[in-house]
mmCIF file of all heavy atoms, coordinates in Angstrom:
data_MODEL
# 
_entry.id   MODEL 
# 
loop_
_atom_site.group_PDB 
_atom_site.id 
_atom_site.type_symbol 
_atom_site.label_atom_id 
_atom_site.label_alt_id 
_atom_site.label_comp_id 
_atom_site.label_asym_id 
_atom_site.label_entity_id 
_atom_site.label_seq_id 
_atom_site.pdbx_PDB_ins_code 
_atom_site.Cartn_x 
_atom_site.Cartn_y 
_atom_site.Cartn_z 
_atom_site.occupancy 
_atom_site.B_iso_or_equiv 
_atom_site.pdbx_formal_charge 
_atom_site.auth_seq_id 
_atom_site.auth_comp_id 
_atom_site.auth_asym_id 
_atom_site.auth_atom_id 
_atom_site.pdbx_PDB_model_num 
ATOM 1   N N   . LEU A 1 1  ? 0.850  -1.182  0.000   1.00 0.00 ? 1  LEU A N   1 
ATOM 2   C CA  . LEU A 1 1  ? 0.000  0.000   0.000   1.00 0.00 ? 1  LEU A CA  1 
ATOM 3   C C   . LEU A 1 1  ? 0.887  1.233   0.000   1.00 0.00 ? 1  LEU A C   1 
ATOM 4   O O   . LEU A 1 1  ? 1.931  1.256   0.634   1.00 0.00 ? 1  LEU A O   1 
ATOM 5   C CB  . LEU A 1 1  ? -0.914 0.011   1.221   1.00 0.00 ? 1  LEU A CB  1 
ATOM 6   C CG  . LEU A 1 1  ? -1.917 -1.142  1.342   1.00 0.00 ? 1  LEU A CG  1 
ATOM 7   C CD1 . LEU A 1 1  ? -2.683 -1.021  2.649   1.00 0.00 ? 1  LEU A CD1 1 
ATOM 8   C CD2 . LEU A 1 1  ? -2.876 -1.167  0.166   1.00 0.00 ? 1  LEU A CD2 1 
ATOM 9   N N   . GLY A 1 2  ? 0.483  2.275   -0.655  1.00 0.00 ? 2  GLY A N   1 
ATOM 10  C CA  . GLY A 1 2  ? 1.311  3.464   -0.779  1.00 0.00 ? 2  GLY A CA  1 
ATOM 11  C C   . GLY A 1 2  ? 0.494  4.731   -0.581  1.00 0.00 ? 2  GLY A C   1 
ATOM 12  O O   . GLY A 1 2  ? -0.613 4.687   -0.060  1.00 0.00 ? 2  GLY A O   1 
ATOM 13  N N   . PRO A 1 3  ? 1.026  5.871   -1.090  1.00 0.00 ? 3  PRO A N   1 
ATOM 14  C CA  . PRO A 1 3  ? 2.278  5.965   -1.859  1.00 0.00 ? 3  PRO A CA  1 
ATOM 15  C C   . PRO A 1 3  ? 3.512  6.067   -0.958  1.00 0.00 ? 3  PRO A C   1 
ATOM 16  O O   . PRO A 1 3  ? 3.404  6.409   0.217   1.00 0.00 ? 3  PRO A O   1 
ATOM 17  C CB  . PRO A 1 3  ? 2.087  7.276   -2.620  1.00 0.00 ? 3  PRO A CB  1 
ATOM 18  C CG  . PRO A 1 3  ? 1.244  8.108   -1.708  1.00 0.00 ? 3  PRO A CG  1 
ATOM 19  C CD  . PRO A 1 3  ? 0.322  7.158   -0.999  1.00 0.00 ? 3  PRO A CD  1 
ATOM 20  N N   . HIS A 1 4  ? 4.669  5.760   -1.544  1.00 0.00 ? 4  HIS A N   1 
ATOM 21  C CA  . HIS A 1 4  ? 5.928  5.835   -0.812  1.00 0.00 ? 4  HIS A CA  1 
ATOM 22  C C   . HIS A 1 4  ? 6.963  6.558   -1.672  1.00 0.00 ? 4  HIS A C   1 
ATOM 23  O O   . HIS A 1 4  ? 7.095  6.276   -2.858  1.00 0.00 ? 4  HIS A O   1 
ATOM 24  C CB  . HIS A 1 4  ? 6.455  4.435   -0.471  1.00 0.00 ? 4  HIS A CB  1 
ATOM 25  C CG  . HIS A 1 4  ? 5.556  3.687   0.463   1.00 0.00 ? 4  HIS A CG  1 
ATOM 26  N ND1 . HIS A 1 4  ? 5.539  3.922   1.818   1.00 0.00 ? 4  HIS A ND1 1 
ATOM 27  C CD2 . HIS A 1 4  ? 4.635  2.728   0.232   1.00 0.00 ? 4  HIS A CD2 1 
ATOM 28  C CE1 . HIS A 1 4  ? 4.646  3.130   2.387   1.00 0.00 ? 4  HIS A CE1 1 
ATOM 29  N NE2 . HIS A 1 4  ? 4.087  2.393   1.451   1.00 0.00 ? 4  HIS A NE2 1 
ATOM 30  N N   . GLU A 1 5  ? 7.665  7.468   -1.058  1.00 0.00 ? 5  GLU A N   1 
ATOM 31  C CA  . GLU A 1 5  ? 8.697  8.223   -1.773  1.00 0.00 ? 5  GLU A CA  1 
ATOM 32  C C   . GLU A 1 5  ? 10.100 7.714   -1.474  1.00 0.00 ? 5  GLU A C   1 
ATOM 33  O O   . GLU A 1 5  ? 11.030 7.936   -2.237  1.00 0.00 ? 5  GLU A O   1 
ATOM 34  C CB  . GLU A 1 5  ? 8.616  9.718   -1.398  1.00 0.00 ? 5  GLU A CB  1 
ATOM 35  C CG  . GLU A 1 5  ? 7.282  10.376  -1.723  1.00 0.00 ? 5  GLU A CG  1 
ATOM 36  C CD  . GLU A 1 5  ? 6.982  10.402  -3.208  1.00 0.00 ? 5  GLU A CD  1 
ATOM 37  O OE1 . GLU A 1 5  ? 7.945  10.396  -4.015  1.00 0.00 ? 5  GLU A OE1 1 
ATOM 38  O OE2 . GLU A 1 5  ? 5.793  10.421  -3.567  1.00 0.00 ? 5  GLU A OE2 1 
ATOM 39  N N   . GLU A 1 6  ? 10.246 7.015   -0.338  1.00 0.00 ? 6  GLU A N   1 
ATOM 40  C CA  . GLU A 1 6  ? 11.583 6.599   0.074   1.00 0.00 ? 6  GLU A CA  1 
ATOM 41  C C   . GLU A 1 6  ? 12.115 5.476   -0.813  1.00 0.00 ? 6  GLU A C   1 
ATOM 42  O O   . GLU A 1 6  ? 11.353 4.704   -1.389  1.00 0.00 ? 6  GLU A O   1 
ATOM 43  C CB  . GLU A 1 6  ? 11.603 6.155   1.544   1.00 0.00 ? 6  GLU A CB  1 
ATOM 44  C CG  . GLU A 1 6  ? 10.771 4.929   1.846   1.00 0.00 ? 6  GLU A CG  1 
ATOM 45  C CD  . GLU A 1 6  ? 9.352  5.241   2.262   1.00 0.00 ? 6  GLU A CD  1 
ATOM 46  O OE1 . GLU A 1 6  ? 8.806  6.254   1.776   1.00 0.00 ? 6  GLU A OE1 1 
ATOM 47  O OE2 . GLU A 1 6  ? 8.805  4.469   3.044   1.00 0.00 ? 6  GLU A OE2 1 
ATOM 48  N N   . LYS A 1 7  ? 13.425 5.416   -0.911  1.00 0.00 ? 7  LYS A N   1 
ATOM 49  C CA  . LYS A 1 7  ? 14.078 4.355   -1.666  1.00 0.00 ? 7  LYS A CA  1 
ATOM 50  C C   . LYS A 1 7  ? 14.438 3.215   -0.714  1.00 0.00 ? 7  LYS A C   1 
ATOM 51  O O   . LYS A 1 7  ? 14.939 3.441   0.374   1.00 0.00 ? 7  LYS A O   1 
ATOM 52  C CB  . LYS A 1 7  ? 15.341 4.892   -2.353  1.00 0.00 ? 7  LYS A CB  1 
ATOM 53  C CG  . LYS A 1 7  ? 15.057 5.925   -3.432  1.00 0.00 ? 7  LYS A CG  1 
ATOM 54  C CD  . LYS A 1 7  ? 16.341 6.396   -4.084  1.00 0.00 ? 7  LYS A CD  1 
ATOM 55  C CE  . LYS A 1 7  ? 16.058 7.428   -5.165  1.00 0.00 ? 7  LYS A CE  1 
ATOM 56  N NZ  . LYS A 1 7  ? 17.314 7.908   -5.803  1.00 0.00 ? 7  LYS A NZ  1 
ATOM 57  N N   . VAL A 1 8  ? 14.170 1.991   -1.145  1.00 0.00 ? 8  VAL A N   1 
ATOM 58  C CA  . VAL A 1 8  ? 14.456 0.816   -0.339  1.00 0.00 ? 8  VAL A CA  1 
ATOM 59  C C   . VAL A 1 8  ? 15.281 -0.146  -1.175  1.00 0.00 ? 8  VAL A C   1 
ATOM 60  O O   . VAL A 1 8  ? 14.965 -0.411  -2.337  1.00 0.00 ? 8  VAL A O   1 
ATOM 61  C CB  . VAL A 1 8  ? 13.155 0.122   0.123   1.00 0.00 ? 8  VAL A CB  1 
ATOM 62  C CG1 . VAL A 1 8  ? 13.475 -1.160  0.871   1.00 0.00 ? 8  VAL A CG1 1 
ATOM 63  C CG2 . VAL A 1 8  ? 12.346 1.052   0.998   1.00 0.00 ? 8  VAL A CG2 1 
ATOM 64  N N   . GLN A 1 9  ? 16.336 -0.655  -0.569  1.00 0.00 ? 9  GLN A N   1 
ATOM 65  C CA  . GLN A 1 9  ? 17.184 -1.620  -1.259  1.00 0.00 ? 9  GLN A CA  1 
ATOM 66  C C   . GLN A 1 9  ? 16.697 -3.030  -0.958  1.00 0.00 ? 9  GLN A C   1 
ATOM 67  O O   . GLN A 1 9  ? 16.497 -3.407  0.198   1.00 0.00 ? 9  GLN A O   1 
ATOM 68  C CB  . GLN A 1 9  ? 18.640 -1.463  -0.792  1.00 0.00 ? 9  GLN A CB  1 
ATOM 69  C CG  . GLN A 1 9  ? 19.626 -1.630  -1.918  1.00 0.00 ? 9  GLN A CG  1 
ATOM 70  C CD  . GLN A 1 9  ? 21.041 -1.260  -1.484  1.00 0.00 ? 9  GLN A CD  1 
ATOM 71  O OE1 . GLN A 1 9  ? 21.353 -1.184  -0.301  1.00 0.00 ? 9  GLN A OE1 1 
ATOM 72  N NE2 . GLN A 1 9  ? 21.903 -1.040  -2.446  1.00 0.00 ? 9  GLN A NE2 1 
ATOM 73  N N   . LEU A 1 10 ? 16.459 -3.812  -2.003  1.00 0.00 ? 10 LEU A N   1 
ATOM 74  C CA  . LEU A 1 10 ? 15.994 -5.183  -1.834  1.00 0.00 ? 10 LEU A CA  1 
ATOM 75  C C   . LEU A 1 10 ? 16.972 -6.151  -2.484  1.00 0.00 ? 10 LEU A C   1 
ATOM 76  O O   . LEU A 1 10 ? 17.466 -5.906  -3.590  1.00 0.00 ? 10 LEU A O   1 
ATOM 77  C CB  . LEU A 1 10 ? 14.619 -5.380  -2.482  1.00 0.00 ? 10 LEU A CB  1 
ATOM 78  C CG  . LEU A 1 10 ? 13.391 -4.789  -1.783  1.00 0.00 ? 10 LEU A CG  1 
ATOM 79  C CD1 . LEU A 1 10 ? 12.145 -5.053  -2.611  1.00 0.00 ? 10 LEU A CD1 1 
ATOM 80  C CD2 . LEU A 1 10 ? 13.230 -5.359  -0.380  1.00 0.00 ? 10 LEU A CD2 1 
ATOM 81  N N   . TYR A 1 11 ? 17.220 -7.243  -1.788  1.00 0.00 ? 11 TYR A N   1 
ATOM 82  C CA  . TYR A 1 11 ? 17.987 -8.338  -2.368  1.00 0.00 ? 11 TYR A CA  1 
ATOM 83  C C   . TYR A 1 11 ? 16.966 -9.263  -3.021  1.00 0.00 ? 11 TYR A C   1 
ATOM 84  O O   . TYR A 1 11 ? 16.180 -9.931  -2.347  1.00 0.00 ? 11 TYR A O   1 
ATOM 85  C CB  . TYR A 1 11 ? 18.776 -9.051  -1.274  1.00 0.00 ? 11 TYR A CB  1 
ATOM 86  C CG  . TYR A 1 11 ? 19.590 -10.215 -1.751  1.00 0.00 ? 11 TYR A CG  1 
ATOM 87  C CD1 . TYR A 1 11 ? 20.391 -10.127 -2.895  1.00 0.00 ? 11 TYR A CD1 1 
ATOM 88  C CD2 . TYR A 1 11 ? 19.577 -11.425 -1.054  1.00 0.00 ? 11 TYR A CD2 1 
ATOM 89  C CE1 . TYR A 1 11 ? 21.138 -11.197 -3.335  1.00 0.00 ? 11 TYR A CE1 1 
ATOM 90  C CE2 . TYR A 1 11 ? 20.327 -12.505 -1.476  1.00 0.00 ? 11 TYR A CE2 1 
ATOM 91  C CZ  . TYR A 1 11 ? 21.100 -12.381 -2.629  1.00 0.00 ? 11 TYR A CZ  1 
ATOM 92  O OH  . TYR A 1 11 ? 21.838 -13.448 -3.074  1.00 0.00 ? 11 TYR A OH  1 
ATOM 93  N N   . LEU A 1 12 ? 16.933 -9.304  -4.334  1.00 0.00 ? 12 LEU A N   1 
ATOM 94  C CA  . LEU A 1 12 ? 15.845 -9.936  -5.063  1.00 0.00 ? 12 LEU A CA  1 
ATOM 95  C C   . LEU A 1 12 ? 15.964 -11.446 -5.213  1.00 0.00 ? 12 LEU A C   1 
ATOM 96  O O   . LEU A 1 12 ? 14.975 -12.122 -5.477  1.00 0.00 ? 12 LEU A O   1 
ATOM 97  C CB  . LEU A 1 12 ? 15.719 -9.308  -6.453  1.00 0.00 ? 12 LEU A CB  1 
ATOM 98  C CG  . LEU A 1 12 ? 15.255 -7.853  -6.481  1.00 0.00 ? 12 LEU A CG  1 
ATOM 99  C CD1 . LEU A 1 12 ? 15.231 -7.334  -7.909  1.00 0.00 ? 12 LEU A CD1 1 
ATOM 100 C CD2 . LEU A 1 12 ? 13.871 -7.707  -5.848  1.00 0.00 ? 12 LEU A CD2 1 
ATOM 101 N N   . ARG A 1 13 ? 17.163 -11.998 -5.045  1.00 0.00 ? 13 ARG A N   1 
ATOM 102 C CA  . ARG A 1 13 ? 17.320 -13.424 -5.297  1.00 0.00 ? 13 ARG A CA  1 
ATOM 103 C C   . ARG A 1 13 ? 16.361 -14.286 -4.476  1.00 0.00 ? 13 ARG A C   1 
ATOM 104 O O   . ARG A 1 13 ? 15.779 -15.244 -5.006  1.00 0.00 ? 13 ARG A O   1 
ATOM 105 C CB  . ARG A 1 13 ? 18.771 -13.842 -5.053  1.00 0.00 ? 13 ARG A CB  1 
ATOM 106 C CG  . ARG A 1 13 ? 19.027 -15.293 -5.450  1.00 0.00 ? 13 ARG A CG  1 
ATOM 107 C CD  . ARG A 1 13 ? 20.497 -15.583 -5.548  1.00 0.00 ? 13 ARG A CD  1 
ATOM 108 N NE  . ARG A 1 13 ? 20.733 -16.940 -6.036  1.00 0.00 ? 13 ARG A NE  1 
ATOM 109 C CZ  . ARG A 1 13 ? 21.919 -17.410 -6.366  1.00 0.00 ? 13 ARG A CZ  1 
ATOM 110 N NH1 . ARG A 1 13 ? 22.979 -16.644 -6.278  1.00 0.00 ? 13 ARG A NH1 1 
ATOM 111 N NH2 . ARG A 1 13 ? 22.049 -18.653 -6.790  1.00 0.00 ? 13 ARG A NH2 1 
ATOM 112 N N   . PRO A 1 14 ? 16.140 -13.999 -3.163  1.00 0.00 ? 14 PRO A N   1 
ATOM 113 C CA  . PRO A 1 14 ? 15.183 -14.812 -2.400  1.00 0.00 ? 14 PRO A CA  1 
ATOM 114 C C   . PRO A 1 14 ? 13.754 -14.717 -2.952  1.00 0.00 ? 14 PRO A C   1 
ATOM 115 O O   . PRO A 1 14 ? 13.006 -15.697 -2.903  1.00 0.00 ? 14 PRO A O   1 
ATOM 116 C CB  . PRO A 1 14 ? 15.276 -14.228 -0.982  1.00 0.00 ? 14 PRO A CB  1 
ATOM 117 C CG  . PRO A 1 14 ? 16.628 -13.592 -0.928  1.00 0.00 ? 14 PRO A CG  1 
ATOM 118 C CD  . PRO A 1 14 ? 16.851 -13.049 -2.301  1.00 0.00 ? 14 PRO A CD  1 
ATOM 119 N N   . PHE A 1 15 ? 13.375 -13.537 -3.465  1.00 0.00 ? 15 PHE A N   1 
ATOM 120 C CA  . PHE A 1 15 ? 12.048 -13.393 -4.070  1.00 0.00 ? 15 PHE A CA  1 
ATOM 121 C C   . PHE A 1 15 ? 11.929 -14.289 -5.299  1.00 0.00 ? 15 PHE A C   1 
ATOM 122 O O   . PHE A 1 15 ? 10.908 -14.944 -5.520  1.00 0.00 ? 15 PHE A O   1 
ATOM 123 C CB  . PHE A 1 15 ? 11.791 -11.932 -4.457  1.00 0.00 ? 15 PHE A CB  1 
ATOM 124 C CG  . PHE A 1 15 ? 11.505 -11.029 -3.301  1.00 0.00 ? 15 PHE A CG  1 
ATOM 125 C CD1 . PHE A 1 15 ? 12.544 -10.443 -2.578  1.00 0.00 ? 15 PHE A CD1 1 
ATOM 126 C CD2 . PHE A 1 15 ? 10.201 -10.747 -2.914  1.00 0.00 ? 15 PHE A CD2 1 
ATOM 127 C CE1 . PHE A 1 15 ? 12.286 -9.612  -1.507  1.00 0.00 ? 15 PHE A CE1 1 
ATOM 128 C CE2 . PHE A 1 15 ? 9.931  -9.912  -1.841  1.00 0.00 ? 15 PHE A CE2 1 
ATOM 129 C CZ  . PHE A 1 15 ? 10.978 -9.342  -1.132  1.00 0.00 ? 15 PHE A CZ  1 
ATOM 130 N N   . LEU A 1 16 ? 12.993 -14.297 -6.106  1.00 0.00 ? 16 LEU A N   1 
ATOM 131 C CA  . LEU A 1 16 ? 12.990 -15.116 -7.316  1.00 0.00 ? 16 LEU A CA  1 
ATOM 132 C C   . LEU A 1 16 ? 12.957 -16.599 -6.960  1.00 0.00 ? 16 LEU A C   1 
ATOM 133 O O   . LEU A 1 16 ? 12.258 -17.392 -7.604  1.00 0.00 ? 16 LEU A O   1 
ATOM 134 C CB  . LEU A 1 16 ? 14.218 -14.802 -8.169  1.00 0.00 ? 16 LEU A CB  1 
ATOM 135 C CG  . LEU A 1 16 ? 14.392 -13.343 -8.603  1.00 0.00 ? 16 LEU A CG  1 
ATOM 136 C CD1 . LEU A 1 16 ? 15.675 -13.177 -9.384  1.00 0.00 ? 16 LEU A CD1 1 
ATOM 137 C CD2 . LEU A 1 16 ? 13.204 -12.878 -9.419  1.00 0.00 ? 16 LEU A CD2 1 
ATOM 138 N N   . ALA A 1 17 ? 13.719 -16.985 -5.945  1.00 0.00 ? 17 ALA A N   1 
ATOM 139 C CA  . ALA A 1 17 ? 13.785 -18.395 -5.562  1.00 0.00 ? 17 ALA A CA  1 
ATOM 140 C C   . ALA A 1 17 ? 12.428 -18.911 -5.082  1.00 0.00 ? 17 ALA A C   1 
ATOM 141 O O   . ALA A 1 17 ? 12.053 -20.058 -5.353  1.00 0.00 ? 17 ALA A O   1 
ATOM 142 C CB  . ALA A 1 17 ? 14.832 -18.590 -4.474  1.00 0.00 ? 17 ALA A CB  1 
ATOM 143 N N   . LYS A 1 18 ? 11.678 -18.057 -4.374  1.00 0.00 ? 18 LYS A N   1 
ATOM 144 C CA  . LYS A 1 18 ? 10.362 -18.453 -3.875  1.00 0.00 ? 18 LYS A CA  1 
ATOM 145 C C   . LYS A 1 18 ? 9.240  -18.158 -4.866  1.00 0.00 ? 18 LYS A C   1 
ATOM 146 O O   . LYS A 1 18 ? 8.084  -18.494 -4.609  1.00 0.00 ? 18 LYS A O   1 
ATOM 147 C CB  . LYS A 1 18 ? 10.061 -17.722 -2.556  1.00 0.00 ? 18 LYS A CB  1 
ATOM 148 C CG  . LYS A 1 18 ? 10.528 -18.442 -1.313  1.00 0.00 ? 18 LYS A CG  1 
ATOM 149 C CD  . LYS A 1 18 ? 9.903  -17.800 -0.080  1.00 0.00 ? 18 LYS A CD  1 
ATOM 150 C CE  . LYS A 1 18 ? 10.075 -18.702 1.130   1.00 0.00 ? 18 LYS A CE  1 
ATOM 151 N NZ  . LYS A 1 18 ? 9.425  -18.129 2.335   1.00 0.00 ? 18 LYS A NZ  1 
ATOM 152 N N   . GLU A 1 19 ? 9.589  -17.492 -5.963  1.00 0.00 ? 19 GLU A N   1 
ATOM 153 C CA  . GLU A 1 19 ? 8.593  -17.075 -6.958  1.00 0.00 ? 19 GLU A CA  1 
ATOM 154 C C   . GLU A 1 19 ? 7.496  -16.236 -6.316  1.00 0.00 ? 19 GLU A C   1 
ATOM 155 O O   . GLU A 1 19 ? 6.299  -16.396 -6.573  1.00 0.00 ? 19 GLU A O   1 
ATOM 156 C CB  . GLU A 1 19 ? 7.989  -18.277 -7.673  1.00 0.00 ? 19 GLU A CB  1 
ATOM 157 C CG  . GLU A 1 19 ? 9.010  -19.056 -8.503  1.00 0.00 ? 19 GLU A CG  1 
ATOM 158 C CD  . GLU A 1 19 ? 8.376  -20.207 -9.265  1.00 0.00 ? 19 GLU A CD  1 
ATOM 159 O OE1 . GLU A 1 19 ? 7.383  -20.796 -8.781  1.00 0.00 ? 19 GLU A OE1 1 
ATOM 160 O OE2 . GLU A 1 19 ? 8.877  -20.514 -10.363 1.00 0.00 ? 19 GLU A OE2 1 
ATOM 161 N N   . VAL A 1 20 ? 7.910  -15.317 -5.436  1.00 0.00 ? 20 VAL A N   1 
ATOM 162 C CA  . VAL A 1 20 ? 6.974  -14.424 -4.769  1.00 0.00 ? 20 VAL A CA  1 
ATOM 163 C C   . VAL A 1 20 ? 6.769  -13.174 -5.617  1.00 0.00 ? 20 VAL A C   1 
ATOM 164 O O   . VAL A 1 20 ? 7.731  -12.561 -6.072  1.00 0.00 ? 20 VAL A O   1 
ATOM 165 C CB  . VAL A 1 20 ? 7.485  -14.046 -3.358  1.00 0.00 ? 20 VAL A CB  1 
ATOM 166 C CG1 . VAL A 1 20 ? 6.657  -12.911 -2.767  1.00 0.00 ? 20 VAL A CG1 1 
ATOM 167 C CG2 . VAL A 1 20 ? 7.428  -15.265 -2.448  1.00 0.00 ? 20 VAL A CG2 1 
ATOM 168 N N   . TYR A 1 21 ? 5.509  -12.807 -5.822  1.00 0.00 ? 21 TYR A N   1 
ATOM 169 C CA  . TYR A 1 21 ? 5.156  -11.636 -6.618  1.00 0.00 ? 21 TYR A CA  1 
ATOM 170 C C   . TYR A 1 21 ? 5.070  -10.416 -5.711  1.00 0.00 ? 21 TYR A C   1 
ATOM 171 O O   . TYR A 1 21 ? 4.504  -10.483 -4.620  1.00 0.00 ? 21 TYR A O   1 
ATOM 172 C CB  . TYR A 1 21 ? 3.810  -11.846 -7.306  1.00 0.00 ? 21 TYR A CB  1 
ATOM 173 C CG  . TYR A 1 21 ? 3.795  -12.960 -8.315  1.00 0.00 ? 21 TYR A CG  1 
ATOM 174 C CD1 . TYR A 1 21 ? 3.633  -14.292 -7.897  1.00 0.00 ? 21 TYR A CD1 1 
ATOM 175 C CD2 . TYR A 1 21 ? 3.930  -12.714 -9.675  1.00 0.00 ? 21 TYR A CD2 1 
ATOM 176 C CE1 . TYR A 1 21 ? 3.616  -15.323 -8.811  1.00 0.00 ? 21 TYR A CE1 1 
ATOM 177 C CE2 . TYR A 1 21 ? 3.906  -13.745 -10.595 1.00 0.00 ? 21 TYR A CE2 1 
ATOM 178 C CZ  . TYR A 1 21 ? 3.750  -15.051 -10.163 1.00 0.00 ? 21 TYR A CZ  1 
ATOM 179 O OH  . TYR A 1 21 ? 3.732  -16.074 -11.071 1.00 0.00 ? 21 TYR A OH  1 
ATOM 180 N N   . LEU A 1 22 ? 5.601  -9.316  -6.181  1.00 0.00 ? 22 LEU A N   1 
ATOM 181 C CA  . LEU A 1 22 ? 5.532  -8.046  -5.453  1.00 0.00 ? 22 LEU A CA  1 
ATOM 182 C C   . LEU A 1 22 ? 4.883  -7.006  -6.348  1.00 0.00 ? 22 LEU A C   1 
ATOM 183 O O   . LEU A 1 22 ? 5.314  -6.791  -7.481  1.00 0.00 ? 22 LEU A O   1 
ATOM 184 C CB  . LEU A 1 22 ? 6.936  -7.583  -5.042  1.00 0.00 ? 22 LEU A CB  1 
ATOM 185 C CG  . LEU A 1 22 ? 7.052  -6.188  -4.429  1.00 0.00 ? 22 LEU A CG  1 
ATOM 186 C CD1 . LEU A 1 22 ? 6.255  -6.092  -3.138  1.00 0.00 ? 22 LEU A CD1 1 
ATOM 187 C CD2 . LEU A 1 22 ? 8.524  -5.833  -4.182  1.00 0.00 ? 22 LEU A CD2 1 
ATOM 188 N N   . SER A 1 23 ? 3.828  -6.376  -5.856  1.00 0.00 ? 23 SER A N   1 
ATOM 189 C CA  . SER A 1 23 ? 3.149  -5.359  -6.664  1.00 0.00 ? 23 SER A CA  1 
ATOM 190 C C   . SER A 1 23 ? 2.550  -4.307  -5.747  1.00 0.00 ? 23 SER A C   1 
ATOM 191 O O   . SER A 1 23 ? 2.499  -4.453  -4.524  1.00 0.00 ? 23 SER A O   1 
ATOM 192 C CB  . SER A 1 23 ? 2.052  -5.989  -7.531  1.00 0.00 ? 23 SER A CB  1 
ATOM 193 O OG  . SER A 1 23 ? 0.999  -6.476  -6.727  1.00 0.00 ? 23 SER A OG  1 
ATOM 194 N N   . GLY A 1 24 ? 2.073  -3.238  -6.357  1.00 0.00 ? 24 GLY A N   1 
ATOM 195 C CA  . GLY A 1 24 ? 1.346  -2.197  -5.640  1.00 0.00 ? 24 GLY A CA  1 
ATOM 196 C C   . GLY A 1 24 ? -0.119 -2.270  -5.999  1.00 0.00 ? 24 GLY A C   1 
ATOM 197 O O   . GLY A 1 24 ? -0.570 -3.188  -6.679  1.00 0.00 ? 24 GLY A O   1 
ATOM 198 N N   . VAL A 1 25 ? -0.888 -1.292  -5.532  1.00 0.00 ? 25 VAL A N   1 
ATOM 199 C CA  . VAL A 1 25 ? -2.300 -1.181  -5.902  1.00 0.00 ? 25 VAL A CA  1 
ATOM 200 C C   . VAL A 1 25 ? -2.585 0.280   -6.181  1.00 0.00 ? 25 VAL A C   1 
ATOM 201 O O   . VAL A 1 25 ? -2.177 1.163   -5.421  1.00 0.00 ? 25 VAL A O   1 
ATOM 202 C CB  . VAL A 1 25 ? -3.217 -1.736  -4.792  1.00 0.00 ? 25 VAL A CB  1 
ATOM 203 C CG1 . VAL A 1 25 ? -2.967 -1.035  -3.459  1.00 0.00 ? 25 VAL A CG1 1 
ATOM 204 C CG2 . VAL A 1 25 ? -4.684 -1.622  -5.193  1.00 0.00 ? 25 VAL A CG2 1 
# 
């Protein structure tokens, strides 16, 4: 849920390994 202006660093490999979807609305 947003909106968000801040920048966040994510390590994406675990998301890819679990096939987890990330989206906004």
